[in-house]
Amino acid sequence: MNNPITPPPELVEEWIEIAKPEPWKRPPDPNVLCAIAAQWGADQELESCCSWVDWKCSGPTARLLRKDRRPKPPSLKEQALLAIDTAVADDRLSADVANVVRRALEQLDD
């Protein structure tokens, strides 16, 4: 490994606090701690790759790479609309009621 990704000590301390199952319990949950650290490392690598792509290529390539590799989770509104579609498909909700709820959701901001 030519260039190890090492988080700053303050960040490690923050992760340890986040990973504690309860404030009075120690040690922190290693699974949570590992997941946080792995995500941070992956994010650092992605940013490094995007910087390299920006340097080597022109256009929106790095932005598209970042967007595809770190997609945003669906909004609560998108999740609700999907739940409505699923309920209608499973015959748990009538199409008429679904349309009323769908119209109401569409008027809300994301």
PDB file of N, CA and C in Angstrom:
ATOM      1  N   MET A   1       0.844  -1.164   0.000  1.00  0.00           N
ATOM      2  CA  MET A   1       0.000   0.000   0.000  1.00  0.00           C
ATOM      3  C   MET A   1       0.894   1.233   0.000  1.00  0.00           C
ATOM      4  N   ASN A   2       0.843   2.014  -1.045  1.00  0.00           N
ATOM      5  CA  ASN A   2       1.733   3.159  -1.182  1.00  0.00           C
ATOM      6  C   ASN A   2       1.314   4.351  -0.335  1.00  0.00           C
ATOM      7  N   ASN A   3       0.018   4.598  -0.232  1.00  0.00           N
ATOM      8  CA  ASN A   3      -0.467   5.785   0.456  1.00  0.00           C
ATOM      9  C   ASN A   3      -1.631   5.398   1.360  1.00  0.00           C
ATOM     10  N   PRO A   4      -1.355   4.954   2.591  1.00  0.00           N
ATOM     11  CA  PRO A   4      -2.447   4.504   3.450  1.00  0.00           C
ATOM     12  C   PRO A   4      -3.384   5.660   3.807  1.00  0.00           C
ATOM     13  N   ILE A   5      -4.642   5.334   3.929  1.00  0.00           N
ATOM     14  CA  ILE A   5      -5.644   6.313   4.325  1.00  0.00           C
ATOM     15  C   ILE A   5      -5.766   6.213   5.842  1.00  0.00           C
ATOM     16  N   THR A   6      -5.342   7.257   6.533  1.00  0.00           N
ATOM     17  CA  THR A   6      -5.354   7.247   7.990  1.00  0.00           C
ATOM     18  C   THR A   6      -6.207   8.401   8.496  1.00  0.00           C
ATOM     19  N   PRO A   7      -7.261   8.083   9.250  1.00  0.00           N
ATOM     20  CA  PRO A   7      -8.096   9.157   9.777  1.00  0.00           C
ATOM     21  C   PRO A   7      -7.381   9.901  10.905  1.00  0.00           C
ATOM     22  N   PRO A   8      -7.699  11.174  11.084  1.00  0.00           N
ATOM     23  CA  PRO A   8      -7.111  11.921  12.189  1.00  0.00           C
ATOM     24  C   PRO A   8      -7.608  11.374  13.535  1.00  0.00           C
ATOM     25  N   PRO A   9      -6.799  11.453  14.579  1.00  0.00           N
ATOM     26  CA  PRO A   9      -7.179  10.906  15.889  1.00  0.00           C
ATOM     27  C   PRO A   9      -8.501  11.455  16.420  1.00  0.00           C
ATOM     28  N   GLU A  10      -8.782  12.747  16.160  1.00  0.00           N
ATOM     29  CA  GLU A  10     -10.041  13.329  16.649  1.00  0.00           C
ATOM     30  C   GLU A  10     -11.240  12.628  16.025  1.00  0.00           C
ATOM     31  N   LEU A  11     -11.109  12.260  14.755  1.00  0.00           N
ATOM     32  CA  LEU A  11     -12.191  11.578  14.058  1.00  0.00           C
ATOM     33  C   LEU A  11     -12.391  10.174  14.626  1.00  0.00           C
ATOM     34  N   VAL A  12     -11.299   9.503  14.934  1.00  0.00           N
ATOM     35  CA  VAL A  12     -11.391   8.169  15.536  1.00  0.00           C
ATOM     36  C   VAL A  12     -12.110   8.254  16.882  1.00  0.00           C
ATOM     37  N   GLU A  13     -11.781   9.246  17.689  1.00  0.00           N
ATOM     38  CA  GLU A  13     -12.456   9.427  18.982  1.00  0.00           C
ATOM     39  C   GLU A  13     -13.951   9.676  18.795  1.00  0.00           C
ATOM     40  N   GLU A  14     -14.302  10.462  17.767  1.00  0.00           N
ATOM     41  CA  GLU A  14     -15.719  10.720  17.469  1.00  0.00           C
ATOM     42  C   GLU A  14     -16.429   9.423  17.092  1.00  0.00           C
ATOM     43  N   TRP A  15     -15.779   8.596  16.281  1.00  0.00           N
ATOM     44  CA  TRP A  15     -16.375   7.312  15.884  1.00  0.00           C
ATOM     45  C   TRP A  15     -16.579   6.411  17.086  1.00  0.00           C
ATOM     46  N   ILE A  16     -15.615   6.401  17.998  1.00  0.00           N
ATOM     47  CA  ILE A  16     -15.735   5.564  19.200  1.00  0.00           C
ATOM     48  C   ILE A  16     -16.963   5.983  19.997  1.00  0.00           C
ATOM     49  N   GLU A  17     -17.186   7.282  20.119  1.00  0.00           N
ATOM     50  CA  GLU A  17     -18.367   7.771  20.842  1.00  0.00           C
ATOM     51  C   GLU A  17     -19.658   7.370  20.133  1.00  0.00           C
ATOM     52  N   ILE A  18     -19.662   7.488  18.806  1.00  0.00           N
ATOM     53  CA  ILE A  18     -20.844   7.114  18.026  1.00  0.00           C
ATOM     54  C   ILE A  18     -21.139   5.624  18.162  1.00  0.00           C
ATOM     55  N   ALA A  19     -20.101   4.805  18.214  1.00  0.00           N
ATOM     56  CA  ALA A  19     -20.264   3.351  18.202  1.00  0.00           C
ATOM     57  C   ALA A  19     -20.615   2.770  19.562  1.00  0.00           C
ATOM     58  N   LYS A  20     -20.604   3.564  20.612  1.00  0.00           N
ATOM     59  CA  LYS A  20     -20.960   3.043  21.933  1.00  0.00           C
ATOM     60  C   LYS A  20     -22.445   2.703  21.948  1.00  0.00           C
ATOM     61  N   PRO A  21     -22.787   1.469  22.338  1.00  0.00           N
ATOM     62  CA  PRO A  21     -24.207   1.115  22.389  1.00  0.00           C
ATOM     63  C   PRO A  21     -24.959   1.937  23.434  1.00  0.00           C
ATOM     64  N   GLU A  22     -24.335   2.212  24.558  1.00  0.00           N
ATOM     65  CA  GLU A  22     -24.909   3.038  25.619  1.00  0.00           C
ATOM     66  C   GLU A  22     -23.764   3.876  26.184  1.00  0.00           C
ATOM     67  N   PRO A  23     -24.064   5.074  26.662  1.00  0.00           N
ATOM     68  CA  PRO A  23     -22.976   5.941  27.130  1.00  0.00           C
ATOM     69  C   PRO A  23     -22.112   5.318  28.219  1.00  0.00           C
ATOM     70  N   TRP A  24     -22.684   4.461  29.050  1.00  0.00           N
ATOM     71  CA  TRP A  24     -21.923   3.901  30.170  1.00  0.00           C
ATOM     72  C   TRP A  24     -21.239   2.583  29.823  1.00  0.00           C
ATOM     73  N   LYS A  25     -21.439   2.078  28.624  1.00  0.00           N
ATOM     74  CA  LYS A  25     -20.859   0.795  28.241  1.00  0.00           C
ATOM     75  C   LYS A  25     -19.593   0.990  27.429  1.00  0.00           C
ATOM     76  N   ARG A  26     -18.652   0.132  27.620  1.00  0.00           N
ATOM     77  CA  ARG A  26     -17.425   0.073  26.829  1.00  0.00           C
ATOM     78  C   ARG A  26     -17.121  -1.372  26.581  1.00  0.00           C
ATOM     79  N   PRO A  27     -16.485  -1.778  25.569  1.00  0.00           N
ATOM     80  CA  PRO A  27     -15.985  -0.980  24.460  1.00  0.00           C
ATOM     81  C   PRO A  27     -17.090  -0.710  23.450  1.00  0.00           C
ATOM     82  N   PRO A  28     -16.807   0.127  22.454  1.00  0.00           N
ATOM     83  CA  PRO A  28     -17.813   0.392  21.423  1.00  0.00           C
ATOM     84  C   PRO A  28     -18.057  -0.852  20.573  1.00  0.00           C
ATOM     85  N   ASP A  29     -19.196  -0.874  19.931  1.00  0.00           N
ATOM     86  CA  ASP A  29     -19.554  -1.994  19.054  1.00  0.00           C
ATOM     87  C   ASP A  29     -18.573  -2.032  17.881  1.00  0.00           C
ATOM     88  N   PRO A  30     -17.762  -3.091  17.783  1.00  0.00           N
ATOM     89  CA  PRO A  30     -16.764  -3.126  16.703  1.00  0.00           C
ATOM     90  C   PRO A  30     -17.378  -3.146  15.313  1.00  0.00           C
ATOM     91  N   ASN A  31     -18.575  -3.720  15.178  1.00  0.00           N
ATOM     92  CA  ASN A  31     -19.218  -3.740  13.864  1.00  0.00           C
ATOM     93  C   ASN A  31     -19.584  -2.330  13.415  1.00  0.00           C
ATOM     94  N   VAL A  32     -20.124  -1.538  14.321  1.00  0.00           N
ATOM     95  CA  VAL A  32     -20.486  -0.159  13.993  1.00  0.00           C
ATOM     96  C   VAL A  32     -19.228   0.643  13.698  1.00  0.00           C
ATOM     97  N   LEU A  33     -18.224   0.478  14.544  1.00  0.00           N
ATOM     98  CA  LEU A  33     -16.972   1.201  14.365  1.00  0.00           C
ATOM     99  C   LEU A  33     -16.318   0.855  13.027  1.00  0.00           C
ATOM    100  N   CYS A  34     -16.301  -0.418  12.682  1.00  0.00           N
ATOM    101  CA  CYS A  34     -15.713  -0.843  11.401  1.00  0.00           C
ATOM    102  C   CYS A  34     -16.507  -0.306  10.216  1.00  0.00           C
ATOM    103  N   ALA A  35     -17.818  -0.315  10.326  1.00  0.00           N
ATOM    104  CA  ALA A  35     -18.644   0.193   9.226  1.00  0.00           C
ATOM    105  C   ALA A  35     -18.413   1.686   9.010  1.00  0.00           C
ATOM    106  N   ILE A  36     -18.332   2.451  10.098  1.00  0.00           N
ATOM    107  CA  ILE A  36     -18.085   3.893   9.980  1.00  0.00           C
ATOM    108  C   ILE A  36     -16.719   4.139   9.350  1.00  0.00           C
ATOM    109  N   ALA A  37     -15.714   3.410   9.836  1.00  0.00           N
ATOM    110  CA  ALA A  37     -14.350   3.590   9.320  1.00  0.00           C
ATOM    111  C   ALA A  37     -14.255   3.167   7.854  1.00  0.00           C
ATOM    112  N   ALA A  38     -14.898   2.062   7.511  1.00  0.00           N
ATOM    113  CA  ALA A  38     -14.857   1.596   6.121  1.00  0.00           C
ATOM    114  C   ALA A  38     -15.522   2.608   5.190  1.00  0.00           C
ATOM    115  N   GLN A  39     -16.655   3.176   5.617  1.00  0.00           N
ATOM    116  CA  GLN A  39     -17.339   4.173   4.788  1.00  0.00           C
ATOM    117  C   GLN A  39     -16.471   5.411   4.624  1.00  0.00           C
ATOM    118  N   TRP A  40     -15.829   5.853   5.695  1.00  0.00           N
ATOM    119  CA  TRP A  40     -14.952   7.016   5.620  1.00  0.00           C
ATOM    120  C   TRP A  40     -13.806   6.740   4.648  1.00  0.00           C
ATOM    121  N   GLY A  41     -13.183   5.571   4.760  1.00  0.00           N
ATOM    122  CA  GLY A  41     -12.085   5.219   3.870  1.00  0.00           C
ATOM    123  C   GLY A  41     -12.532   5.154   2.419  1.00  0.00           C
ATOM    124  N   ALA A  42     -13.692   4.571   2.186  1.00  0.00           N
ATOM    125  CA  ALA A  42     -14.221   4.486   0.827  1.00  0.00           C
ATOM    126  C   ALA A  42     -14.518   5.880   0.275  1.00  0.00           C
ATOM    127  N   ASP A  43     -15.037   6.762   1.123  1.00  0.00           N
ATOM    128  CA  ASP A  43     -15.309   8.131   0.689  1.00  0.00           C
ATOM    129  C   ASP A  43     -14.012   8.866   0.344  1.00  0.00           C
ATOM    130  N   GLN A  44     -12.961   8.637   1.139  1.00  0.00           N
ATOM    131  CA  GLN A  44     -11.664   9.261   0.858  1.00  0.00           C
ATOM    132  C   GLN A  44     -11.123   8.770  -0.480  1.00  0.00           C
ATOM    133  N   GLU A  45     -11.222   7.475  -0.726  1.00  0.00           N
ATOM    134  CA  GLU A  45     -10.743   6.897  -1.987  1.00  0.00           C
ATOM    135  C   GLU A  45     -11.535   7.446  -3.171  1.00  0.00           C
ATOM    136  N   LEU A  46     -12.865   7.531  -3.016  1.00  0.00           N
ATOM    137  CA  LEU A  46     -13.694   8.081  -4.092  1.00  0.00           C
ATOM    138  C   LEU A  46     -13.286   9.517  -4.404  1.00  0.00           C
ATOM    139  N   GLU A  47     -13.091  10.327  -3.369  1.00  0.00           N
ATOM    140  CA  GLU A  47     -12.704  11.714  -3.604  1.00  0.00           C
ATOM    141  C   GLU A  47     -11.345  11.795  -4.290  1.00  0.00           C
ATOM    142  N   SER A  48     -10.433  10.907  -3.918  1.00  0.00           N
ATOM    143  CA  SER A  48      -9.127  10.871  -4.571  1.00  0.00           C
ATOM    144  C   SER A  48      -9.280  10.508  -6.051  1.00  0.00           C
ATOM    145  N   CYS A  49     -10.104   9.503  -6.327  1.00  0.00           N
ATOM    146  CA  CYS A  49     -10.343   9.109  -7.724  1.00  0.00           C
ATOM    147  C   CYS A  49     -10.999  10.240  -8.519  1.00  0.00           C
ATOM    148  N   CYS A  50     -11.957  10.919  -7.902  1.00  0.00           N
ATOM    149  CA  CYS A  50     -12.629  12.024  -8.588  1.00  0.00           C
ATOM    150  C   CYS A  50     -11.656  13.165  -8.874  1.00  0.00           C
ATOM    151  N   SER A  51     -10.749  13.422  -7.941  1.00  0.00           N
ATOM    152  CA  SER A  51      -9.733  14.456  -8.178  1.00  0.00           C
ATOM    153  C   SER A  51      -8.853  14.069  -9.359  1.00  0.00           C
ATOM    154  N   TRP A  52      -8.484  12.808  -9.414  1.00  0.00           N
ATOM    155  CA  TRP A  52      -7.649  12.333 -10.519  1.00  0.00           C
ATOM    156  C   TRP A  52      -8.400  12.457 -11.845  1.00  0.00           C
ATOM    157  N   VAL A  53      -9.683  12.064 -11.843  1.00  0.00           N
ATOM    158  CA  VAL A  53     -10.486  12.158 -13.066  1.00  0.00           C
ATOM    159  C   VAL A  53     -10.624  13.615 -13.491  1.00  0.00           C
ATOM    160  N   ASP A  54     -10.865  14.510 -12.534  1.00  0.00           N
ATOM    161  CA  ASP A  54     -10.950  15.941 -12.859  1.00  0.00           C
ATOM    162  C   ASP A  54      -9.662  16.438 -13.500  1.00  0.00           C
ATOM    163  N   TRP A  55      -8.547  15.956 -13.001  1.00  0.00           N
ATOM    164  CA  TRP A  55      -7.242  16.376 -13.493  1.00  0.00           C
ATOM    165  C   TRP A  55      -6.973  15.834 -14.897  1.00  0.00           C
ATOM    166  N   LYS A  56      -7.383  14.573 -15.150  1.00  0.00           N
ATOM    167  CA  LYS A  56      -7.095  13.905 -16.423  1.00  0.00           C
ATOM    168  C   LYS A  56      -8.149  14.160 -17.503  1.00  0.00           C
ATOM    169  N   CYS A  57      -9.384  14.370 -17.104  1.00  0.00           N
ATOM    170  CA  CYS A  57     -10.492  14.445 -18.075  1.00  0.00           C
ATOM    171  C   CYS A  57     -11.183  15.799 -17.984  1.00  0.00           C
ATOM    172  N   SER A  58     -11.881  16.116 -19.039  1.00  0.00           N
ATOM    173  CA  SER A  58     -12.708  17.315 -18.994  1.00  0.00           C
ATOM    174  C   SER A  58     -14.163  16.879 -18.946  1.00  0.00           C
ATOM    175  N   GLY A  59     -15.022  17.785 -18.553  1.00  0.00           N
ATOM    176  CA  GLY A  59     -16.442  17.471 -18.515  1.00  0.00           C
ATOM    177  C   GLY A  59     -16.895  17.011 -17.146  1.00  0.00           C
ATOM    178  N   PRO A  60     -18.109  16.482 -17.083  1.00  0.00           N
ATOM    179  CA  PRO A  60     -18.726  16.156 -15.798  1.00  0.00           C
ATOM    180  C   PRO A  60     -18.394  14.754 -15.273  1.00  0.00           C
ATOM    181  N   THR A  61     -17.330  14.139 -15.747  1.00  0.00           N
ATOM    182  CA  THR A  61     -17.050  12.742 -15.406  1.00  0.00           C
ATOM    183  C   THR A  61     -16.934  12.524 -13.905  1.00  0.00           C
ATOM    184  N   ALA A  62     -16.186  13.349 -13.205  1.00  0.00           N
ATOM    185  CA  ALA A  62     -16.000  13.165 -11.763  1.00  0.00           C
ATOM    186  C   ALA A  62     -17.319  13.341 -11.013  1.00  0.00           C
ATOM    187  N   ARG A  63     -18.098  14.343 -11.414  1.00  0.00           N
ATOM    188  CA  ARG A  63     -19.395  14.570 -10.759  1.00  0.00           C
ATOM    189  C   ARG A  63     -20.306  13.359 -10.945  1.00  0.00           C
ATOM    190  N   LEU A  64     -20.321  12.811 -12.169  1.00  0.00           N
ATOM    191  CA  LEU A  64     -21.149  11.639 -12.442  1.00  0.00           C
ATOM    192  C   LEU A  64     -20.645  10.413 -11.686  1.00  0.00           C
ATOM    193  N   LEU A  65     -19.333  10.264 -11.585  1.00  0.00           N
ATOM    194  CA  LEU A  65     -18.761   9.152 -10.832  1.00  0.00           C
ATOM    195  C   LEU A  65     -19.178   9.240  -9.364  1.00  0.00           C
ATOM    196  N   ARG A  66     -19.060  10.414  -8.776  1.00  0.00           N
ATOM    197  CA  ARG A  66     -19.441  10.618  -7.376  1.00  0.00           C
ATOM    198  C   ARG A  66     -20.929  10.320  -7.184  1.00  0.00           C
ATOM    199  N   LYS A  67     -21.758  10.818  -8.107  1.00  0.00           N
ATOM    200  CA  LYS A  67     -23.210  10.608  -8.013  1.00  0.00           C
ATOM    201  C   LYS A  67     -23.569   9.125  -8.105  1.00  0.00           C
ATOM    202  N   ASP A  68     -22.924   8.400  -9.008  1.00  0.00           N
ATOM    203  CA  ASP A  68     -23.228   6.974  -9.183  1.00  0.00           C
ATOM    204  C   ASP A  68     -22.696   6.120  -8.035  1.00  0.00           C
ATOM    205  N   ARG A  69     -21.564   6.501  -7.455  1.00  0.00           N
ATOM    206  CA  ARG A  69     -20.950   5.698  -6.398  1.00  0.00           C
ATOM    207  C   ARG A  69     -21.489   6.029  -5.016  1.00  0.00           C
ATOM    208  N   ARG A  70     -22.104   7.198  -4.838  1.00  0.00           N
ATOM    209  CA  ARG A  70     -22.697   7.581  -3.558  1.00  0.00           C
ATOM    210  C   ARG A  70     -24.105   8.107  -3.793  1.00  0.00           C
ATOM    211  N   PRO A  71     -24.997   7.232  -4.260  1.00  0.00           N
ATOM    212  CA  PRO A  71     -26.356   7.706  -4.530  1.00  0.00           C
ATOM    213  C   PRO A  71     -27.058   8.122  -3.239  1.00  0.00           C
ATOM    214  N   LYS A  72     -27.906   9.121  -3.364  1.00  0.00           N
ATOM    215  CA  LYS A  72     -28.678   9.574  -2.211  1.00  0.00           C
ATOM    216  C   LYS A  72     -29.867   8.635  -2.016  1.00  0.00           C
ATOM    217  N   PRO A  73     -30.207   8.320  -0.758  1.00  0.00           N
ATOM    218  CA  PRO A  73     -31.381   7.476  -0.529  1.00  0.00           C
ATOM    219  C   PRO A  73     -32.645   8.214  -0.966  1.00  0.00           C
ATOM    220  N   PRO A  74     -33.683   7.455  -1.318  1.00  0.00           N
ATOM    221  CA  PRO A  74     -34.923   8.116  -1.746  1.00  0.00           C
ATOM    222  C   PRO A  74     -35.495   8.966  -0.617  1.00  0.00           C
ATOM    223  N   SER A  75     -36.115  10.074  -1.000  1.00  0.00           N
ATOM    224  CA  SER A  75     -36.735  10.957  -0.008  1.00  0.00           C
ATOM    225  C   SER A  75     -37.932  10.250   0.617  1.00  0.00           C
ATOM    226  N   LEU A  76     -38.396  10.802   1.732  1.00  0.00           N
ATOM    227  CA  LEU A  76     -39.577  10.243   2.392  1.00  0.00           C
ATOM    228  C   LEU A  76     -40.781  10.284   1.450  1.00  0.00           C
ATOM    229  N   LYS A  77     -40.883  11.347   0.662  1.00  0.00           N
ATOM    230  CA  LYS A  77     -41.967  11.467  -0.311  1.00  0.00           C
ATOM    231  C   LYS A  77     -41.875  10.353  -1.358  1.00  0.00           C
ATOM    232  N   GLU A  78     -40.671  10.106  -1.880  1.00  0.00           N
ATOM    233  CA  GLU A  78     -40.487   9.028  -2.863  1.00  0.00           C
ATOM    234  C   GLU A  78     -40.810   7.662  -2.255  1.00  0.00           C
ATOM    235  N   GLN A  79     -40.429   7.464  -1.008  1.00  0.00           N
ATOM    236  CA  GLN A  79     -40.730   6.198  -0.337  1.00  0.00           C
ATOM    237  C   GLN A  79     -42.238   6.026  -0.162  1.00  0.00           C
ATOM    238  N   ALA A  80     -42.920   7.109   0.187  1.00  0.00           N
ATOM    239  CA  ALA A  80     -44.376   7.044   0.371  1.00  0.00           C
ATOM    240  C   ALA A  80     -45.087   6.746  -0.947  1.00  0.00           C
ATOM    241  N   LEU A  81     -44.649   7.375  -2.030  1.00  0.00           N
ATOM    242  CA  LEU A  81     -45.256   7.110  -3.336  1.00  0.00           C
ATOM    243  C   LEU A  81     -45.038   5.654  -3.756  1.00  0.00           C
ATOM    244  N   LEU A  82     -43.858   5.124  -3.480  1.00  0.00           N
ATOM    245  CA  LEU A  82     -43.588   3.718  -3.781  1.00  0.00           C
ATOM    246  C   LEU A  82     -44.468   2.802  -2.927  1.00  0.00           C
ATOM    247  N   ALA A  83     -44.663   3.165  -1.668  1.00  0.00           N
ATOM    248  CA  ALA A  83     -45.521   2.358  -0.785  1.00  0.00           C
ATOM    249  C   ALA A  83     -46.962   2.346  -1.299  1.00  0.00           C
ATOM    250  N   ILE A  84     -47.416   3.487  -1.804  1.00  0.00           N
ATOM    251  CA  ILE A  84     -48.767   3.560  -2.374  1.00  0.00           C
ATOM    252  C   ILE A  84     -48.874   2.641  -3.594  1.00  0.00           C
ATOM    253  N   ASP A  85     -47.904   2.724  -4.483  1.00  0.00           N
ATOM    254  CA  ASP A  85     -47.922   1.873  -5.679  1.00  0.00           C
ATOM    255  C   ASP A  85     -47.928   0.396  -5.301  1.00  0.00           C
ATOM    256  N   THR A  86     -47.148   0.035  -4.305  1.00  0.00           N
ATOM    257  CA  THR A  86     -47.080  -1.366  -3.853  1.00  0.00           C
ATOM    258  C   THR A  86     -48.413  -1.801  -3.253  1.00  0.00           C
ATOM    259  N   ALA A  87     -49.014  -0.939  -2.430  1.00  0.00           N
ATOM    260  CA  ALA A  87     -50.299  -1.274  -1.807  1.00  0.00           C
ATOM    261  C   ALA A  87     -51.393  -1.450  -2.857  1.00  0.00           C
ATOM    262  N   VAL A  88     -51.401  -0.611  -3.882  1.00  0.00           N
ATOM    263  CA  VAL A  88     -52.386  -0.748  -4.963  1.00  0.00           C
ATOM    264  C   VAL A  88     -52.146  -2.045  -5.725  1.00  0.00           C
ATOM    265  N   ALA A  89     -50.884  -2.338  -6.030  1.00  0.00           N
ATOM    266  CA  ALA A  89     -50.557  -3.562  -6.772  1.00  0.00           C
ATOM    267  C   ALA A  89     -50.932  -4.815  -5.991  1.00  0.00           C
ATOM    268  N   ASP A  90     -50.848  -4.735  -4.654  1.00  0.00           N
ATOM    269  CA  ASP A  90     -51.197  -5.883  -3.801  1.00  0.00           C
ATOM    270  C   ASP A  90     -52.673  -5.901  -3.415  1.00  0.00           C
ATOM    271  N   ASP A  91     -53.475  -5.020  -4.002  1.00  0.00           N
ATOM    272  CA  ASP A  91     -54.907  -4.891  -3.689  1.00  0.00           C
ATOM    273  C   ASP A  91     -55.167  -4.593  -2.216  1.00  0.00           C
ATOM    274  N   ARG A  92     -54.281  -3.840  -1.600  1.00  0.00           N
ATOM    275  CA  ARG A  92     -54.483  -3.425  -0.211  1.00  0.00           C
ATOM    276  C   ARG A  92     -54.989  -1.992  -0.136  1.00  0.00           C
ATOM    277  N   LEU A  93     -55.025  -1.314  -1.292  1.00  0.00           N
ATOM    278  CA  LEU A  93     -55.473   0.066  -1.343  1.00  0.00           C
ATOM    279  C   LEU A  93     -56.160   0.284  -2.677  1.00  0.00           C
ATOM    280  N   SER A  94     -57.322   0.928  -2.645  1.00  0.00           N
ATOM    281  CA  SER A  94     -58.035   1.170  -3.898  1.00  0.00           C
ATOM    282  C   SER A  94     -57.329   2.248  -4.709  1.00  0.00           C
ATOM    283  N   ALA A  95     -57.528   2.186  -6.007  1.00  0.00           N
ATOM    284  CA  ALA A  95     -56.908   3.164  -6.899  1.00  0.00           C
ATOM    285  C   ALA A  95     -57.412   4.572  -6.607  1.00  0.00           C
ATOM    286  N   ASP A  96     -58.690   4.698  -6.251  1.00  0.00           N
ATOM    287  CA  ASP A  96     -59.252   6.021  -5.957  1.00  0.00           C
ATOM    288  C   ASP A  96     -58.588   6.647  -4.733  1.00  0.00           C
ATOM    289  N   VAL A  97     -58.471   5.871  -3.668  1.00  0.00           N
ATOM    290  CA  VAL A  97     -57.830   6.377  -2.454  1.00  0.00           C
ATOM    291  C   VAL A  97     -56.355   6.667  -2.729  1.00  0.00           C
ATOM    292  N   ALA A  98     -55.714   5.795  -3.467  1.00  0.00           N
ATOM    293  CA  ALA A  98     -54.306   5.984  -3.793  1.00  0.00           C
ATOM    294  C   ALA A  98     -54.095   7.290  -4.548  1.00  0.00           C
ATOM    295  N   ASN A  99     -54.981   7.611  -5.460  1.00  0.00           N
ATOM    296  CA  ASN A  99     -54.855   8.846  -6.234  1.00  0.00           C
ATOM    297  C   ASN A  99     -54.974  10.084  -5.350  1.00  0.00           C
ATOM    298  N   VAL A 100     -55.873  10.034  -4.359  1.00  0.00           N
ATOM    299  CA  VAL A 100     -56.025  11.169  -3.438  1.00  0.00           C
ATOM    300  C   VAL A 100     -54.738  11.356  -2.632  1.00  0.00           C
ATOM    301  N   VAL A 101     -54.219  10.267  -2.086  1.00  0.00           N
ATOM    302  CA  VAL A 101     -53.000  10.346  -1.281  1.00  0.00           C
ATOM    303  C   VAL A 101     -51.810  10.757  -2.151  1.00  0.00           C
ATOM    304  N   ARG A 102     -51.733  10.205  -3.344  1.00  0.00           N
ATOM    305  CA  ARG A 102     -50.637  10.540  -4.262  1.00  0.00           C
ATOM    306  C   ARG A 102     -50.650  12.039  -4.605  1.00  0.00           C
ATOM    307  N   ARG A 103     -51.839  12.582  -4.893  1.00  0.00           N
ATOM    308  CA  ARG A 103     -51.947  14.014  -5.207  1.00  0.00           C
ATOM    309  C   ARG A 103     -51.508  14.868  -4.021  1.00  0.00           C
ATOM    310  N   ALA A 104     -51.881  14.458  -2.823  1.00  0.00           N
ATOM    311  CA  ALA A 104     -51.487  15.203  -1.627  1.00  0.00           C
ATOM    312  C   ALA A 104     -49.964  15.158  -1.450  1.00  0.00           C
ATOM    313  N   LEU A 105     -49.378  14.003  -1.647  1.00  0.00           N
ATOM    314  CA  LEU A 105     -47.928  13.878  -1.517  1.00  0.00           C
ATOM    315  C   LEU A 105     -47.188  14.700  -2.573  1.00  0.00           C
ATOM    316  N   GLU A 106     -47.717  14.744  -3.779  1.00  0.00           N
ATOM    317  CA  GLU A 106     -47.060  15.477  -4.856  1.00  0.00           C
ATOM    318  C   GLU A 106     -46.996  16.968  -4.564  1.00  0.00           C
ATOM    319  N   GLN A 107     -47.904  17.470  -3.711  1.00  0.00           N
ATOM    320  CA  GLN A 107     -47.897  18.894  -3.382  1.00  0.00           C
ATOM    321  C   GLN A 107     -46.869  19.238  -2.317  1.00  0.00           C
ATOM    322  N   LEU A 108     -46.307  18.233  -1.661  1.00  0.00           N
ATOM    323  CA  LEU A 108     -45.303  18.473  -0.623  1.00  0.00           C
ATOM    324  C   LEU A 108     -43.920  18.645  -1.252  1.00  0.00           C
ATOM    325  N   ASP A 109     -43.096  19.442  -0.601  1.00  0.00           N
ATOM    326  CA  ASP A 109     -41.703  19.578  -1.020  1.00  0.00           C
ATOM    327  C   ASP A 109     -40.958  18.316  -0.634  1.00  0.00           C
ATOM    328  N   ASP A 110     -39.876  18.022  -1.374  1.00  0.00           N
ATOM    329  CA  ASP A 110     -39.069  16.843  -1.055  1.00  0.00           C
ATOM    330  C   ASP A 110     -38.247  17.039   0.178  1.00  0.00           C
TER     331      ASP A 110
END
